[in-house]
Amino acid sequence: MEKSPINLASFLPLVFLLCISWTQEIEIKTEDGVTVVYNPKRPVRLPGFPSTIILKEDLIIGEKTEKEDYWFSALNSIAVDNSGNIYTLDPKDIKIRVFDPMGLLLRTFGRKGQGPGEFSGPGSLRIMADGNLVVGDILKRTFTYLTLDGKHLKTVSTSKLPVGLVRIDSGGFVYQYKRGRGYKAVDELIKYDPNLNPIMKFHSFERTRKSRVINPFPEGYYFDVTKDDDFIWVLSSTYDIHVVDPNGKTIRRIVKDNDPIKITNADKDRYTKEASSQMPSVRLRIEFPDYYPVSSRLFIDDRDQIYIRTYEKDAQGGVYHDVFDPEGRYIVRFTLPENEQVVVIKNNKLYCMIRENEEGIPVVKRYTIGWK
């Protein structure tokens, strides 16, 4: 595993700063009518683009456990509106809490039930292009649309949509990672029309499942949708990002050179202990691959820059995130603590969800981003 070229952790505990290499080149080719951007292992300096990203923590929400509704029973989704207000989804309290940019509670709405605007198992929260909220309910099998102040607009049944990770574009089209079932499972990446009829399949792969055997790092898809409704996806086993236009045409591939990262015995021991603590009464066998997947998440910021969360770590255990400009060029990288999951990047603010911090409670953490 390669180490960070610059280590400032002991001097700037709240700032992560990484500089790029000046000696590499990016190749851009056309292959079968598709623009393919070949990136080297390390970022490349581009004229007019930043070469450094600095993250400075400026807000934490959830630590004020003495104040009503300033803490979370659980946390599984965050959204941020154009004013910087933060919307949090608590699946245990069945509640949406809204905080202003300073972390002050503005309002709460949502409750458990079967009626309009009520939830059973809310799993995702997202602000749509029209400025309204959509909540995906796993148990009710619905999409519930709300105004930003919680007024119910409509509820759409998703009963004919297989369970899986989804994104919705500005036209109401749904993109889903459909996980296969059975011994010979076929996983698929599918697009549905607003009535949830399948209209397009982007990719699929087959994997063999073994009874009572766990692979902690299975192959899978990560994806997001840009503000112009381009669909961006990657298969975790390859560093090959696909950009697809709303008509289903692949318009760009973003390829990055990388070295495989071996899963060490210490890593295996740690994951085995975690699995045993989560399922103490279940006897399972864990089979590890030789190497980590290439990616563990893909997301897009409000400027359509693409971020890939990798499995590579620095000397302090921070996880590297690679950043590509909208054209697919690898411009910068940074690290975050392993337990911090980036959910939103907007207006030069980076919002992380921490399901359990050092005190064992879920929190929202925000950083200010400095580009240089």
Protein backbone atom coordinates (compact mmCIF):
# COMPACT_ATOMS: atom_id res chain seq x y z
CA MET A 1 0.00 0.00 0.00
CA GLU A 2 1.36 3.39 -0.95
CA LYS A 3 1.62 6.04 1.74
CA SER A 4 0.52 9.65 1.52
CA PRO A 5 3.22 11.87 0.07
CA ILE A 6 2.59 14.50 2.72
CA ASN A 7 1.63 13.83 6.33
CA LEU A 8 0.36 16.84 8.26
CA ALA A 9 -1.83 14.92 10.70
CA SER A 10 0.29 15.81 13.73
CA PHE A 11 0.22 19.52 12.87
CA LEU A 12 -3.31 20.01 11.52
CA PRO A 13 -5.65 17.49 13.17
CA LEU A 14 -8.74 19.03 11.61
CA VAL A 15 -7.31 19.59 8.15
CA PHE A 16 -6.54 16.96 5.54
CA LEU A 17 -4.19 18.23 2.85
CA LEU A 18 -2.76 16.29 -0.05
CA CYS A 19 -0.74 17.63 -2.95
CA ILE A 20 -0.59 16.06 -6.38
CA SER A 21 2.15 14.80 -8.62
CA TRP A 22 3.30 16.93 -11.52
CA THR A 23 5.03 14.23 -13.56
CA GLN A 24 2.19 12.13 -14.94
CA GLU A 25 -0.08 12.51 -17.94
CA ILE A 26 -3.71 11.87 -18.81
CA GLU A 27 -4.57 10.20 -22.11
CA ILE A 28 -7.91 10.86 -23.82
CA LYS A 29 -8.93 8.55 -26.66
CA THR A 30 -12.02 7.67 -28.67
CA GLU A 31 -12.88 3.96 -28.65
CA ASP A 32 -15.99 2.66 -30.43
CA GLY A 33 -17.44 6.16 -30.40
CA VAL A 34 -16.91 6.60 -26.66
CA THR A 35 -14.49 9.09 -25.10
CA VAL A 36 -12.16 7.18 -22.78
CA VAL A 37 -10.09 9.09 -20.25
CA TYR A 38 -7.06 7.15 -19.01
CA ASN A 39 -5.75 8.49 -15.71
CA PRO A 40 -2.49 7.59 -13.92
CA LYS A 41 -2.26 6.37 -10.33
CA ARG A 42 -1.84 9.85 -8.87
CA PRO A 43 -3.61 13.14 -9.69
CA VAL A 44 -2.27 15.35 -12.45
CA ARG A 45 -1.94 19.13 -12.31
CA LEU A 46 -4.18 20.87 -14.82
CA PRO A 47 -4.00 24.58 -15.73
CA GLY A 48 -6.72 26.49 -13.91
CA PHE A 49 -7.65 23.56 -11.66
CA PRO A 50 -6.93 23.15 -7.94
CA SER A 51 -3.99 20.98 -6.93
CA THR A 52 -4.85 20.77 -3.24
CA ILE A 53 -8.01 20.19 -1.23
CA ILE A 54 -8.21 21.24 2.43
CA LEU A 55 -11.03 20.06 4.69
CA LYS A 56 -11.72 21.91 7.93
CA GLU A 57 -14.35 20.62 10.34
CA ASP A 58 -16.91 23.33 11.14
CA LEU A 59 -20.05 21.61 12.49
CA ILE A 60 -21.17 18.48 14.34
CA ILE A 61 -24.86 17.67 14.93
CA GLY A 62 -26.00 14.92 17.29
CA GLU A 63 -23.73 15.37 20.30
CA LYS A 64 -26.17 17.53 22.30
CA THR A 65 -27.95 14.56 23.84
CA GLU A 66 -29.36 16.74 26.65
CA LYS A 67 -31.49 18.72 24.17
CA GLU A 68 -34.66 17.25 22.69
CA ASP A 69 -34.36 16.35 18.99
CA TYR A 70 -30.71 17.44 18.82
CA TRP A 71 -29.59 13.79 18.82
CA PHE A 72 -30.42 10.69 16.78
CA SER A 73 -31.53 7.18 17.72
CA ALA A 74 -30.12 6.13 14.36
CA LEU A 75 -29.07 7.88 11.17
CA ASN A 76 -29.23 6.56 7.63
CA SER A 77 -29.57 9.53 5.27
CA ILE A 78 -28.78 13.25 4.91
CA ALA A 79 -29.90 15.88 2.40
CA VAL A 80 -28.99 19.57 2.08
CA ASP A 81 -31.09 22.28 0.42
CA ASN A 82 -29.85 25.34 -1.49
CA SER A 83 -29.87 27.44 1.69
CA GLY A 84 -27.60 25.00 3.51
CA ASN A 85 -30.31 23.58 5.75
CA ILE A 86 -29.60 19.97 6.73
CA TYR A 87 -32.29 17.25 6.58
CA THR A 88 -31.64 14.06 8.57
CA LEU A 89 -33.54 10.77 8.50
CA ASP A 90 -33.82 8.78 11.73
CA PRO A 91 -35.17 5.28 10.94
CA LYS A 92 -35.73 4.35 14.59
CA ASP A 93 -37.59 7.47 15.70
CA ILE A 94 -39.26 7.55 12.24
CA LYS A 95 -38.55 11.26 12.07
CA ILE A 96 -37.01 13.86 9.79
CA ARG A 97 -35.14 16.61 11.61
CA VAL A 98 -34.19 19.85 9.85
CA PHE A 99 -31.26 21.98 11.05
CA ASP A 100 -30.13 25.38 9.82
CA PRO A 101 -26.53 25.95 8.60
CA MET A 102 -25.45 26.75 12.18
CA GLY A 103 -26.85 23.46 13.49
CA LEU A 104 -29.96 24.93 15.14
CA LEU A 105 -33.10 22.79 14.97
CA LEU A 106 -35.71 24.35 12.67
CA ARG A 107 -38.45 21.71 12.61
CA THR A 108 -39.25 18.00 12.69
CA PHE A 109 -41.84 16.01 10.78
CA GLY A 110 -42.73 12.43 9.95
CA ARG A 111 -44.04 9.65 12.15
CA LYS A 112 -44.76 5.95 12.14
CA GLY A 113 -47.96 4.87 10.42
CA GLN A 114 -49.68 3.84 7.21
CA GLY A 115 -51.26 7.18 6.31
CA PRO A 116 -50.13 9.92 3.91
CA GLY A 117 -46.70 11.22 4.91
CA GLU A 118 -46.24 8.45 7.47
CA PHE A 119 -43.54 5.78 7.36
CA SER A 120 -42.79 2.23 8.45
CA GLY A 121 -39.17 1.72 7.43
CA PRO A 122 -37.73 4.89 5.90
CA GLY A 123 -34.40 4.07 4.30
CA SER A 124 -33.41 7.01 2.11
CA LEU A 125 -33.92 10.77 1.90
CA ARG A 126 -33.14 12.93 -1.13
CA ILE A 127 -33.90 16.45 -2.37
CA MET A 128 -35.08 16.35 -5.96
CA ALA A 129 -34.38 18.84 -8.76
CA ASP A 130 -37.77 20.50 -8.17
CA GLY A 131 -36.79 21.27 -4.56
CA ASN A 132 -39.03 18.68 -2.90
CA LEU A 133 -38.07 15.72 -0.73
CA VAL A 134 -38.52 12.06 -1.59
CA VAL A 135 -38.33 9.38 1.10
CA GLY A 136 -37.90 5.74 0.17
CA ASP A 137 -39.73 3.43 2.58
CA ILE A 138 -38.39 -0.12 2.50
CA LEU A 139 -41.20 -1.72 4.52
CA LYS A 140 -44.15 0.14 2.98
CA ARG A 141 -42.56 -0.21 -0.49
CA THR A 142 -43.25 3.42 -1.39
CA PHE A 143 -41.67 6.69 -2.49
CA THR A 144 -43.21 9.52 -0.45
CA TYR A 145 -42.86 13.05 -1.85
CA LEU A 146 -42.90 15.99 0.59
CA THR A 147 -42.28 19.71 0.54
CA LEU A 148 -39.24 20.91 2.47
CA ASP A 149 -41.48 21.81 5.41
CA GLY A 150 -42.99 18.32 5.52
CA LYS A 151 -46.26 18.75 3.61
CA HIS A 152 -47.29 15.52 1.92
CA LEU A 153 -47.51 15.77 -1.87
CA LYS A 154 -47.95 12.20 -3.10
CA THR A 155 -47.05 8.61 -2.40
CA VAL A 156 -46.00 6.24 -5.16
CA SER A 157 -46.11 2.48 -4.66
CA THR A 158 -42.88 0.63 -5.42
CA SER A 159 -44.39 -2.82 -4.86
CA LYS A 160 -43.43 -3.99 -8.35
CA LEU A 161 -39.90 -2.63 -7.98
CA PRO A 162 -37.42 -5.19 -6.58
CA VAL A 163 -35.74 -4.16 -3.36
CA GLY A 164 -32.39 -2.46 -3.99
CA LEU A 165 -30.44 0.79 -4.02
CA VAL A 166 -32.14 3.46 -6.17
CA ARG A 167 -31.67 6.97 -7.54
CA ILE A 168 -34.35 9.14 -9.16
CA ASP A 169 -33.58 11.74 -11.86
CA SER A 170 -35.36 15.04 -12.53
CA GLY A 171 -37.84 13.34 -14.90
CA GLY A 172 -38.89 10.73 -12.36
CA PHE A 173 -36.92 7.92 -14.00
CA VAL A 174 -35.57 5.41 -11.48
CA TYR A 175 -32.14 3.78 -11.53
CA GLN A 176 -31.68 0.65 -9.45
CA TYR A 177 -29.08 -1.84 -8.40
CA LYS A 178 -31.10 -5.07 -8.44
CA ARG A 179 -29.43 -7.81 -6.43
CA GLY A 180 -30.00 -11.35 -7.63
CA ARG A 181 -31.23 -14.16 -5.44
CA GLY A 182 -30.45 -17.84 -5.26
CA TYR A 183 -27.36 -19.97 -5.71
CA LYS A 184 -26.57 -18.51 -9.14
CA ALA A 185 -27.38 -14.84 -8.56
CA VAL A 186 -27.45 -12.28 -11.36
CA ASP A 187 -27.00 -8.67 -10.26
CA GLU A 188 -28.30 -6.00 -12.64
CA LEU A 189 -28.19 -2.24 -13.11
CA ILE A 190 -31.59 -1.15 -14.49
CA LYS A 191 -33.46 2.01 -15.49
CA TYR A 192 -37.24 2.28 -15.01
CA ASP A 193 -39.72 4.82 -16.36
CA PRO A 194 -41.75 6.97 -13.89
CA ASN A 195 -44.38 4.18 -13.77
CA LEU A 196 -41.61 1.79 -12.70
CA ASN A 197 -41.60 -0.25 -15.89
CA PRO A 198 -38.08 -1.47 -16.78
CA ILE A 199 -36.84 0.23 -19.95
CA MET A 200 -33.08 -0.32 -19.99
CA LYS A 201 -30.38 -2.57 -18.53
CA PHE A 202 -26.91 -1.08 -18.30
CA HIS A 203 -24.91 -4.01 -17.00
CA SER A 204 -25.16 -7.35 -15.21
CA PHE A 205 -22.90 -9.99 -13.72
CA GLU A 206 -23.35 -13.43 -12.21
CA ARG A 207 -21.98 -14.57 -8.88
CA THR A 208 -22.22 -17.88 -7.06
CA ARG A 209 -23.46 -17.80 -3.51
CA LYS A 210 -22.47 -20.36 -0.90
CA SER A 211 -24.74 -21.37 1.94
CA ARG A 212 -23.73 -19.93 5.34
CA VAL A 213 -20.62 -18.34 3.86
CA ILE A 214 -19.97 -14.58 3.96
CA ASN A 215 -17.74 -12.56 1.64
CA PRO A 216 -17.23 -9.22 3.44
CA PHE A 217 -16.30 -7.55 0.14
CA PRO A 218 -18.69 -8.77 -2.57
CA GLU A 219 -18.61 -7.29 -6.04
CA GLY A 220 -21.30 -4.64 -6.56
CA TYR A 221 -22.37 -1.41 -8.21
CA TYR A 222 -22.10 2.21 -7.06
CA PHE A 223 -23.84 5.01 -8.94
CA ASP A 224 -25.32 8.50 -8.94
CA VAL A 225 -27.18 10.91 -11.24
CA THR A 226 -25.95 14.36 -12.30
CA LYS A 227 -28.08 17.50 -12.41
CA ASP A 228 -28.36 16.99 -16.20
CA ASP A 229 -29.56 13.41 -15.64
CA ASP A 230 -26.42 11.68 -16.82
CA PHE A 231 -26.11 8.35 -15.06
CA ILE A 232 -22.67 7.54 -13.65
CA TRP A 233 -21.82 4.06 -12.45
CA VAL A 234 -18.91 1.81 -11.56
CA LEU A 235 -18.48 -1.86 -10.71
CA SER A 236 -16.49 -2.10 -7.49
CA SER A 237 -14.01 -4.61 -8.87
CA THR A 238 -12.69 -2.35 -11.65
CA TYR A 239 -11.59 1.29 -11.82
CA ASP A 240 -13.72 1.94 -14.91
CA ILE A 241 -16.39 4.62 -14.44
CA HIS A 242 -19.18 4.81 -17.03
CA VAL A 243 -21.06 8.02 -17.88
CA VAL A 244 -24.39 7.39 -19.65
CA ASP A 245 -26.64 10.09 -21.13
CA PRO A 246 -30.44 10.13 -20.52
CA ASN A 247 -30.97 8.19 -23.78
CA GLY A 248 -28.85 5.32 -22.53
CA LYS A 249 -25.75 6.03 -24.63
CA THR A 250 -22.38 5.67 -22.93
CA ILE A 251 -20.66 8.96 -23.67
CA ARG A 252 -17.55 8.61 -21.50
CA ARG A 253 -15.49 6.06 -19.65
CA ILE A 254 -13.09 7.14 -16.91
CA VAL A 255 -10.29 4.67 -16.29
CA LYS A 256 -7.65 5.00 -13.58
CA ASP A 257 -4.48 2.99 -13.06
CA ASN A 258 -4.26 1.50 -9.59
CA ASP A 259 -2.40 -1.11 -7.57
CA PRO A 260 -4.41 -3.88 -5.89
CA ILE A 261 -4.51 -3.63 -2.09
CA LYS A 262 -3.98 -6.92 -0.30
CA ILE A 263 -6.24 -7.89 2.60
CA THR A 264 -3.89 -8.59 5.49
CA ASN A 265 -4.34 -11.11 8.29
CA ALA A 266 -4.89 -8.21 10.69
CA ASP A 267 -7.69 -6.95 8.45
CA LYS A 268 -9.26 -10.41 8.38
CA ASP A 269 -9.14 -10.68 12.18
CA ARG A 270 -10.81 -7.30 12.57
CA TYR A 271 -13.64 -8.04 10.16
CA THR A 272 -14.17 -11.49 11.65
CA LYS A 273 -14.55 -10.02 15.15
CA GLU A 274 -16.99 -7.40 13.85
CA ALA A 275 -19.11 -10.04 12.10
CA SER A 276 -19.13 -12.25 15.21
CA SER A 277 -20.26 -9.37 17.42
CA GLN A 278 -23.08 -8.45 15.04
CA MET A 279 -24.35 -12.01 14.65
CA PRO A 280 -23.18 -13.89 17.79
CA SER A 281 -25.80 -16.64 17.56
CA VAL A 282 -25.24 -17.45 13.88
CA ARG A 283 -22.51 -19.84 12.82
CA LEU A 284 -21.06 -18.53 9.58
CA ARG A 285 -17.87 -19.04 7.66
CA ILE A 286 -16.13 -15.95 6.32
CA GLU A 287 -14.20 -16.26 3.07
CA PHE A 288 -12.01 -13.30 2.18
CA PRO A 289 -10.80 -12.46 -1.31
CA ASP A 290 -7.07 -11.87 -1.71
CA TYR A 291 -7.53 -8.16 -2.43
CA TYR A 292 -9.91 -5.36 -1.55
CA PRO A 293 -12.31 -4.10 -4.23
CA VAL A 294 -11.19 -0.97 -6.05
CA SER A 295 -14.02 1.25 -4.78
CA SER A 296 -16.44 1.36 -1.87
CA ARG A 297 -18.63 4.24 -3.02
CA LEU A 298 -19.28 6.74 -5.83
CA PHE A 299 -20.93 10.14 -5.43
CA ILE A 300 -21.21 13.45 -7.30
CA ASP A 301 -21.03 17.02 -5.99
CA ASP A 302 -23.05 20.04 -7.11
CA ARG A 303 -20.46 20.78 -9.82
CA ASP A 304 -20.76 17.24 -11.23
CA GLN A 305 -17.29 16.32 -10.03
CA ILE A 306 -17.01 12.59 -9.39
CA TYR A 307 -15.70 11.15 -6.13
CA ILE A 308 -14.58 7.57 -5.58
CA ARG A 309 -14.08 6.27 -2.05
CA THR A 310 -11.29 3.70 -2.20
CA TYR A 311 -9.90 1.13 0.22
CA GLU A 312 -6.47 2.74 0.25
CA LYS A 313 -5.45 4.27 3.59
CA ASP A 314 -2.81 6.68 4.80
CA ALA A 315 -0.50 6.09 7.74
CA GLN A 316 -3.15 7.35 10.22
CA GLY A 317 -5.88 5.06 8.86
CA GLY A 318 -7.64 7.74 6.84
CA VAL A 319 -9.39 6.50 3.69
CA TYR A 320 -8.45 8.05 0.35
CA HIS A 321 -11.10 9.64 -1.87
CA ASP A 322 -10.23 10.29 -5.53
CA VAL A 323 -11.73 13.35 -7.26
CA PHE A 324 -12.34 13.66 -11.01
CA ASP A 325 -13.51 16.77 -12.85
CA PRO A 326 -16.70 16.54 -14.99
CA GLU A 327 -14.54 15.60 -18.00
CA GLY A 328 -13.14 12.61 -16.11
CA ARG A 329 -9.66 13.90 -15.32
CA TYR A 330 -8.11 12.88 -12.01
CA ILE A 331 -7.35 16.19 -10.28
CA VAL A 332 -6.94 15.69 -6.52
CA ARG A 333 -7.38 13.28 -3.60
CA PHE A 334 -7.99 13.55 0.15
CA THR A 335 -8.53 11.34 3.19
CA LEU A 336 -11.23 11.06 5.82
CA PRO A 337 -11.51 8.88 8.92
CA GLU A 338 -12.80 5.40 8.08
CA ASN A 339 -16.10 5.81 9.94
CA GLU A 340 -17.07 9.01 8.08
CA GLN A 341 -19.32 8.41 5.07
CA VAL A 342 -19.61 11.35 2.67
CA VAL A 343 -23.25 11.93 1.73
CA VAL A 344 -23.44 15.43 0.23
CA ILE A 345 -20.94 17.93 -1.22
CA LYS A 346 -22.57 21.28 -1.92
CA ASN A 347 -21.49 24.93 -1.96
CA ASN A 348 -17.97 23.93 -0.88
CA LYS A 349 -19.29 22.10 2.15
CA LEU A 350 -18.77 18.38 2.68
CA TYR A 351 -21.33 16.54 4.84
CA CYS A 352 -20.52 13.19 6.44
CA MET A 353 -22.73 10.70 8.19
CA ILE A 354 -21.19 8.82 11.11
CA ARG A 355 -23.41 5.95 12.19
CA GLU A 356 -21.48 5.54 15.43
CA ASN A 357 -18.78 7.89 16.74
CA GLU A 358 -16.30 7.25 19.56
CA GLU A 359 -19.10 7.73 22.10
CA GLY A 360 -21.29 5.23 20.25
CA ILE A 361 -23.81 7.75 18.93
CA PRO A 362 -24.71 8.75 15.35
CA VAL A 363 -23.72 12.25 14.25
CA VAL A 364 -23.58 14.52 11.22
CA LYS A 365 -20.23 16.17 10.56
CA ARG A 366 -19.62 19.03 8.15
CA TYR A 367 -16.35 20.30 6.67
CA THR A 368 -15.59 23.49 4.80
CA ILE A 369 -13.71 22.72 1.59
CA GLY A 370 -10.76 24.82 0.52
CA TRP A 371 -9.52 24.40 -3.06
CA LYS A 372 -6.02 25.64 -3.96
